[in-house]
Amino acid sequence: DALSGHVLSAAALSQADRMRYAFTIKCPPRAALWKELGEAFVACGLVGAAIKLFEEAELWDSLIVCYQMLQKNEIAEQLVRTRLEVTPNDARLWCTLGDLVDSDEHYLKAWESSNKRSARAQRSLARSAMRREDFALASDCWERALALSPLHLEAWFSLGWCNLKTSNLDK
C-alpha cells in the first residue's frame, strides 16, 4: 500500500539525506525529558516514581534532592560521597554534604574548591554562624555571599539582622 511504500522510500534514503532533516523537529534529549517528568512527579508528590526515573537517567543532583525530601539522609550522604569521588571539586556537592552532616568543614571545602565563587557556601556558613549566634562572622559571610549573588532576598534581610545584633548600625 502507499504507507508501506513511503516507509520503504524513507529507509532507502542515505544517511546524509536523513541528517538534512534531523534538526527540523525540536526534540529535547531523553535525559531532559526524564528530568522534566521526574520534576512533575515530585510536584505531584510521587517522589518514589521520580527516584526511579532519576536513577535510570543518572540525574544525581535530582536524586539527592529526592532522598533529602524523603529524609533518607544516609542514602543521600552515601550518594553525595560517591559523586564526590567522581567530581571532587564540585562545590554544590560539598555544600549538600555539609547540609546532610551539619559541618562547616564541608562548606569551607566548597568555598575553596569553587575558587571563592560559591555564594551558596557563604550563605550556608552564614546560617551556621547565626545558629551559633556568632553574628559578626555571619555578617561577613552574608556580605561575601551578596557580593557574588546580590539578588538573594534572604541574604539581605539576614545581613541586616546580623548587623543589628552586632550594633553595627552604619552598615
C-alpha atoms as a PDB file:
ATOM      1  CA  ASP A   1       0.000   0.000   0.000  1.00  0.00           C
ATOM      2  CA  ALA A   2       1.005   3.657  -0.133  1.00  0.00           C
ATOM      3  CA  LEU A   3       2.118   3.838   3.522  1.00  0.00           C
ATOM      4  CA  SER A   4       4.474   0.890   3.288  1.00  0.00           C
ATOM      5  CA  GLY A   5       5.888   2.345   0.070  1.00  0.00           C
ATOM      6  CA  HIS A   6       6.561   5.573   1.968  1.00  0.00           C
ATOM      7  CA  VAL A   7       8.351   3.691   4.741  1.00  0.00           C
ATOM      8  CA  LEU A   8      10.468   1.837   2.219  1.00  0.00           C
ATOM      9  CA  SER A   9      11.442   5.022   0.470  1.00  0.00           C
ATOM     10  CA  ALA A  10      12.384   6.653   3.802  1.00  0.00           C
ATOM     11  CA  ALA A  11      14.522   3.638   4.660  1.00  0.00           C
ATOM     12  CA  ALA A  12      16.192   3.847   1.268  1.00  0.00           C
ATOM     13  CA  LEU A  13      17.411   7.413   1.934  1.00  0.00           C
ATOM     14  CA  SER A  14      21.096   7.766   2.533  1.00  0.00           C
ATOM     15  CA  GLN A  15      22.412   8.849   5.897  1.00  0.00           C
ATOM     16  CA  ALA A  16      23.306  12.278   4.509  1.00  0.00           C
ATOM     17  CA  ASP A  17      19.741  12.737   3.244  1.00  0.00           C
ATOM     18  CA  ARG A  18      18.291  11.719   6.610  1.00  0.00           C
ATOM     19  CA  MET A  19      20.630  14.074   8.510  1.00  0.00           C
ATOM     20  CA  ARG A  20      19.340  17.002   6.476  1.00  0.00           C
ATOM     21  CA  TYR A  21      16.038  16.634   8.334  1.00  0.00           C
ATOM     22  CA  ALA A  22      17.424  15.629  11.738  1.00  0.00           C
ATOM     23  CA  PHE A  23      17.171  19.107  13.243  1.00  0.00           C
ATOM     24  CA  THR A  24      13.885  20.220  11.708  1.00  0.00           C
ATOM     25  CA  ILE A  25      11.917  18.983  14.722  1.00  0.00           C
ATOM     26  CA  LYS A  26      12.742  20.277  18.173  1.00  0.00           C
ATOM     27  CA  CYS A  27      13.046  17.233  20.369  1.00  0.00           C
ATOM     28  CA  PRO A  28      14.933  17.539  23.651  1.00  0.00           C
ATOM     29  CA  PRO A  29      17.322  14.797  24.732  1.00  0.00           C
ATOM     30  CA  ARG A  30      15.832  11.857  26.586  1.00  0.00           C
ATOM     31  CA  ALA A  31      17.543  12.823  29.865  1.00  0.00           C
ATOM     32  CA  ALA A  32      15.956  16.285  29.697  1.00  0.00           C
ATOM     33  CA  LEU A  33      12.523  14.741  29.161  1.00  0.00           C
ATOM     34  CA  TRP A  34      13.042  12.352  32.059  1.00  0.00           C
ATOM     35  CA  LYS A  35      14.164  15.190  34.295  1.00  0.00           C
ATOM     36  CA  GLU A  36      11.060  17.177  33.425  1.00  0.00           C
ATOM     37  CA  LEU A  37       8.848  14.141  34.030  1.00  0.00           C
ATOM     38  CA  GLY A  38      10.623  13.402  37.319  1.00  0.00           C
ATOM     39  CA  GLU A  39      10.146  17.001  38.479  1.00  0.00           C
ATOM     40  CA  ALA A  40       6.455  16.722  37.579  1.00  0.00           C
ATOM     41  CA  PHE A  41       6.264  13.529  39.650  1.00  0.00           C
ATOM     42  CA  VAL A  42       7.903  15.321  42.597  1.00  0.00           C
ATOM     43  CA  ALA A  43       5.442  18.219  42.249  1.00  0.00           C
ATOM     44  CA  CYS A  44       2.592  15.696  42.446  1.00  0.00           C
ATOM     45  CA  GLY A  45       4.107  14.019  45.486  1.00  0.00           C
ATOM     46  CA  LEU A  46       5.231  10.902  43.601  1.00  0.00           C
ATOM     47  CA  VAL A  47       8.797  11.053  44.865  1.00  0.00           C
ATOM     48  CA  GLY A  48       9.304   7.279  44.668  1.00  0.00           C
ATOM     49  CA  ALA A  49       8.451   7.245  40.964  1.00  0.00           C
ATOM     50  CA  ALA A  50      10.758  10.211  40.424  1.00  0.00           C
ATOM     51  CA  ILE A  51      13.614   8.383  42.156  1.00  0.00           C
ATOM     52  CA  LYS A  52      13.329   5.508  39.683  1.00  0.00           C
ATOM     53  CA  LEU A  53      13.457   7.930  36.747  1.00  0.00           C
ATOM     54  CA  PHE A  54      16.375   9.911  38.138  1.00  0.00           C
ATOM     55  CA  GLU A  55      18.363   6.732  38.877  1.00  0.00           C
ATOM     56  CA  GLU A  56      17.805   5.372  35.387  1.00  0.00           C
ATOM     57  CA  ALA A  57      18.730   8.695  33.756  1.00  0.00           C
ATOM     58  CA  GLU A  58      21.673   9.165  36.160  1.00  0.00           C
ATOM     59  CA  LEU A  59      20.423  12.596  37.249  1.00  0.00           C
ATOM     60  CA  TRP A  60      22.323  12.534  40.528  1.00  0.00           C
ATOM     61  CA  ASP A  61      21.534  16.039  41.804  1.00  0.00           C
ATOM     62  CA  SER A  62      17.802  15.484  41.443  1.00  0.00           C
ATOM     63  CA  LEU A  63      18.121  12.042  43.027  1.00  0.00           C
ATOM     64  CA  ILE A  64      19.920  13.512  46.045  1.00  0.00           C
ATOM     65  CA  VAL A  65      17.156  16.101  46.461  1.00  0.00           C
ATOM     66  CA  CYS A  66      14.532  13.343  46.392  1.00  0.00           C
ATOM     67  CA  TYR A  67      16.308  11.375  49.118  1.00  0.00           C
ATOM     68  CA  GLN A  68      16.556  14.556  51.202  1.00  0.00           C
ATOM     69  CA  MET A  69      12.828  15.153  50.730  1.00  0.00           C
ATOM     70  CA  LEU A  70      12.129  11.641  51.986  1.00  0.00           C
ATOM     71  CA  GLN A  71      14.516  12.280  54.915  1.00  0.00           C
ATOM     72  CA  LYS A  72      16.704   9.371  53.834  1.00  0.00           C
ATOM     73  CA  ASN A  73      19.817  11.324  54.687  1.00  0.00           C
ATOM     74  CA  GLU A  74      22.101   8.286  54.995  1.00  0.00           C
ATOM     75  CA  ILE A  75      21.366   7.246  51.401  1.00  0.00           C
ATOM     76  CA  ALA A  76      21.726  10.830  50.219  1.00  0.00           C
ATOM     77  CA  GLU A  77      25.036  11.192  52.053  1.00  0.00           C
ATOM     78  CA  GLN A  78      26.359   7.956  50.547  1.00  0.00           C
ATOM     79  CA  LEU A  79      25.326   9.126  47.072  1.00  0.00           C
ATOM     80  CA  VAL A  80      26.984  12.531  47.595  1.00  0.00           C
ATOM     81  CA  ARG A  81      30.207  10.904  48.759  1.00  0.00           C
ATOM     82  CA  THR A  82      30.150   8.599  45.725  1.00  0.00           C
ATOM     83  CA  ARG A  83      29.645  11.562  43.401  1.00  0.00           C
ATOM     84  CA  LEU A  84      32.482  13.448  45.136  1.00  0.00           C
ATOM     85  CA  GLU A  85      34.828  10.602  44.205  1.00  0.00           C
ATOM     86  CA  VAL A  86      33.986  11.318  40.564  1.00  0.00           C
ATOM     87  CA  THR A  87      33.970  15.135  40.793  1.00  0.00           C
ATOM     88  CA  PRO A  88      35.916  16.156  43.906  1.00  0.00           C
ATOM     89  CA  ASN A  89      35.790  19.898  43.134  1.00  0.00           C
ATOM     90  CA  ASP A  90      32.016  20.216  42.823  1.00  0.00           C
ATOM     91  CA  ALA A  91      31.072  22.983  45.285  1.00  0.00           C
ATOM     92  CA  ARG A  92      27.359  22.101  45.152  1.00  0.00           C
ATOM     93  CA  LEU A  93      28.085  18.564  46.299  1.00  0.00           C
ATOM     94  CA  TRP A  94      30.295  19.804  49.150  1.00  0.00           C
ATOM     95  CA  CYS A  95      27.508  22.171  50.275  1.00  0.00           C
ATOM     96  CA  THR A  96      24.965  19.358  50.109  1.00  0.00           C
ATOM     97  CA  LEU A  97      27.251  17.142  52.173  1.00  0.00           C
ATOM     98  CA  GLY A  98      27.605  19.979  54.680  1.00  0.00           C
ATOM     99  CA  ASP A  99      23.807  20.195  54.883  1.00  0.00           C
ATOM    100  CA  LEU A 100      23.491  16.449  55.415  1.00  0.00           C
ATOM    101  CA  VAL A 101      26.122  16.126  58.156  1.00  0.00           C
ATOM    102  CA  ASP A 102      25.812  19.688  59.532  1.00  0.00           C
ATOM    103  CA  SER A 103      29.504  20.508  59.193  1.00  0.00           C
ATOM    104  CA  ASP A 104      31.084  23.869  58.402  1.00  0.00           C
ATOM    105  CA  GLU A 105      34.174  21.997  57.222  1.00  0.00           C
ATOM    106  CA  HIS A 106      32.322  20.927  54.065  1.00  0.00           C
ATOM    107  CA  TYR A 107      31.089  24.461  53.370  1.00  0.00           C
ATOM    108  CA  LEU A 108      34.676  25.701  53.646  1.00  0.00           C
ATOM    109  CA  LYS A 109      35.770  22.956  51.250  1.00  0.00           C
ATOM    110  CA  ALA A 110      33.040  24.110  48.840  1.00  0.00           C
ATOM    111  CA  TRP A 111      34.272  27.692  49.153  1.00  0.00           C
ATOM    112  CA  GLU A 112      37.851  26.676  48.408  1.00  0.00           C
ATOM    113  CA  SER A 113      37.013  24.241  45.593  1.00  0.00           C
ATOM    114  CA  SER A 114      34.960  26.939  43.848  1.00  0.00           C
ATOM    115  CA  ASN A 115      37.911  29.361  43.947  1.00  0.00           C
ATOM    116  CA  LYS A 116      35.902  31.537  46.336  1.00  0.00           C
ATOM    117  CA  ARG A 117      32.977  31.867  43.901  1.00  0.00           C
ATOM    118  CA  SER A 118      30.265  29.829  45.655  1.00  0.00           C
ATOM    119  CA  ALA A 119      27.618  32.111  47.097  1.00  0.00           C
ATOM    120  CA  ARG A 120      25.786  29.049  48.431  1.00  0.00           C
ATOM    121  CA  ALA A 121      28.807  28.061  50.507  1.00  0.00           C
ATOM    122  CA  GLN A 122      28.915  31.514  52.101  1.00  0.00           C
ATOM    123  CA  ARG A 123      25.146  31.511  52.733  1.00  0.00           C
ATOM    124  CA  SER A 124      25.452  28.119  54.416  1.00  0.00           C
ATOM    125  CA  LEU A 125      28.379  29.317  56.543  1.00  0.00           C
ATOM    126  CA  ALA A 126      26.376  32.415  57.481  1.00  0.00           C
ATOM    127  CA  ARG A 127      23.333  30.366  58.532  1.00  0.00           C
ATOM    128  CA  SER A 128      25.553  28.112  60.602  1.00  0.00           C
ATOM    129  CA  ALA A 129      27.175  31.113  62.304  1.00  0.00           C
ATOM    130  CA  MET A 130      23.736  32.577  63.026  1.00  0.00           C
ATOM    131  CA  ARG A 131      22.649  29.309  64.697  1.00  0.00           C
ATOM    132  CA  ARG A 132      25.735  29.625  66.938  1.00  0.00           C
ATOM    133  CA  GLU A 133      24.867  33.304  67.472  1.00  0.00           C
ATOM    134  CA  ASP A 134      28.202  34.404  66.002  1.00  0.00           C
ATOM    135  CA  PHE A 135      26.612  37.387  64.283  1.00  0.00           C
ATOM    136  CA  ALA A 136      29.878  39.121  63.348  1.00  0.00           C
ATOM    137  CA  LEU A 137      31.074  36.092  61.359  1.00  0.00           C
ATOM    138  CA  ALA A 138      27.600  35.642  59.897  1.00  0.00           C
ATOM    139  CA  SER A 139      27.595  39.264  58.743  1.00  0.00           C
ATOM    140  CA  ASP A 140      30.935  38.783  56.966  1.00  0.00           C
ATOM    141  CA  CYS A 141      29.671  35.619  55.272  1.00  0.00           C
ATOM    142  CA  TRP A 142      26.432  37.298  54.175  1.00  0.00           C
ATOM    143  CA  GLU A 143      28.443  40.168  52.691  1.00  0.00           C
ATOM    144  CA  ARG A 144      30.636  37.762  50.693  1.00  0.00           C
ATOM    145  CA  ALA A 145      27.559  35.880  49.508  1.00  0.00           C
ATOM    146  CA  LEU A 146      25.828  39.084  48.430  1.00  0.00           C
ATOM    147  CA  ALA A 147      28.923  40.278  46.581  1.00  0.00           C
ATOM    148  CA  LEU A 148      28.600  37.131  44.443  1.00  0.00           C
ATOM    149  CA  SER A 149      24.812  36.898  44.233  1.00  0.00           C
ATOM    150  CA  PRO A 150      23.081  40.187  45.131  1.00  0.00           C
ATOM    151  CA  LEU A 151      19.538  39.091  44.227  1.00  0.00           C
ATOM    152  CA  HIS A 152      19.123  36.689  47.150  1.00  0.00           C
ATOM    153  CA  LEU A 153      16.434  38.268  49.347  1.00  0.00           C
ATOM    154  CA  GLU A 154      17.038  36.153  52.460  1.00  0.00           C
ATOM    155  CA  ALA A 155      20.659  37.271  52.475  1.00  0.00           C
ATOM    156  CA  TRP A 156      19.802  40.987  52.603  1.00  0.00           C
ATOM    157  CA  PHE A 157      17.371  40.524  55.475  1.00  0.00           C
ATOM    158  CA  SER A 158      19.781  38.278  57.373  1.00  0.00           C
ATOM    159  CA  LEU A 159      22.694  40.658  56.827  1.00  0.00           C
ATOM    160  CA  GLY A 160      20.608  43.482  58.291  1.00  0.00           C
ATOM    161  CA  TRP A 161      19.623  41.293  61.235  1.00  0.00           C
ATOM    162  CA  CYS A 162      23.252  40.342  61.941  1.00  0.00           C
ATOM    163  CA  ASN A 163      24.324  43.987  61.773  1.00  0.00           C
ATOM    164  CA  LEU A 164      21.578  44.926  64.235  1.00  0.00           C
ATOM    165  CA  LYS A 165      22.643  42.149  66.608  1.00  0.00           C
ATOM    166  CA  THR A 166      26.284  43.367  66.488  1.00  0.00           C
ATOM    167  CA  SER A 167      25.190  47.019  66.865  1.00  0.00           C
ATOM    168  CA  ASN A 168      26.851  47.798  63.549  1.00  0.00           C
ATOM    169  CA  LEU A 169      24.212  50.342  62.572  1.00  0.00           C
ATOM    170  CA  ASP A 170      26.373  52.037  59.938  1.00  0.00           C
ATOM    171  CA  LYS A 171      26.021  49.039  57.655  1.00  0.00           C
END
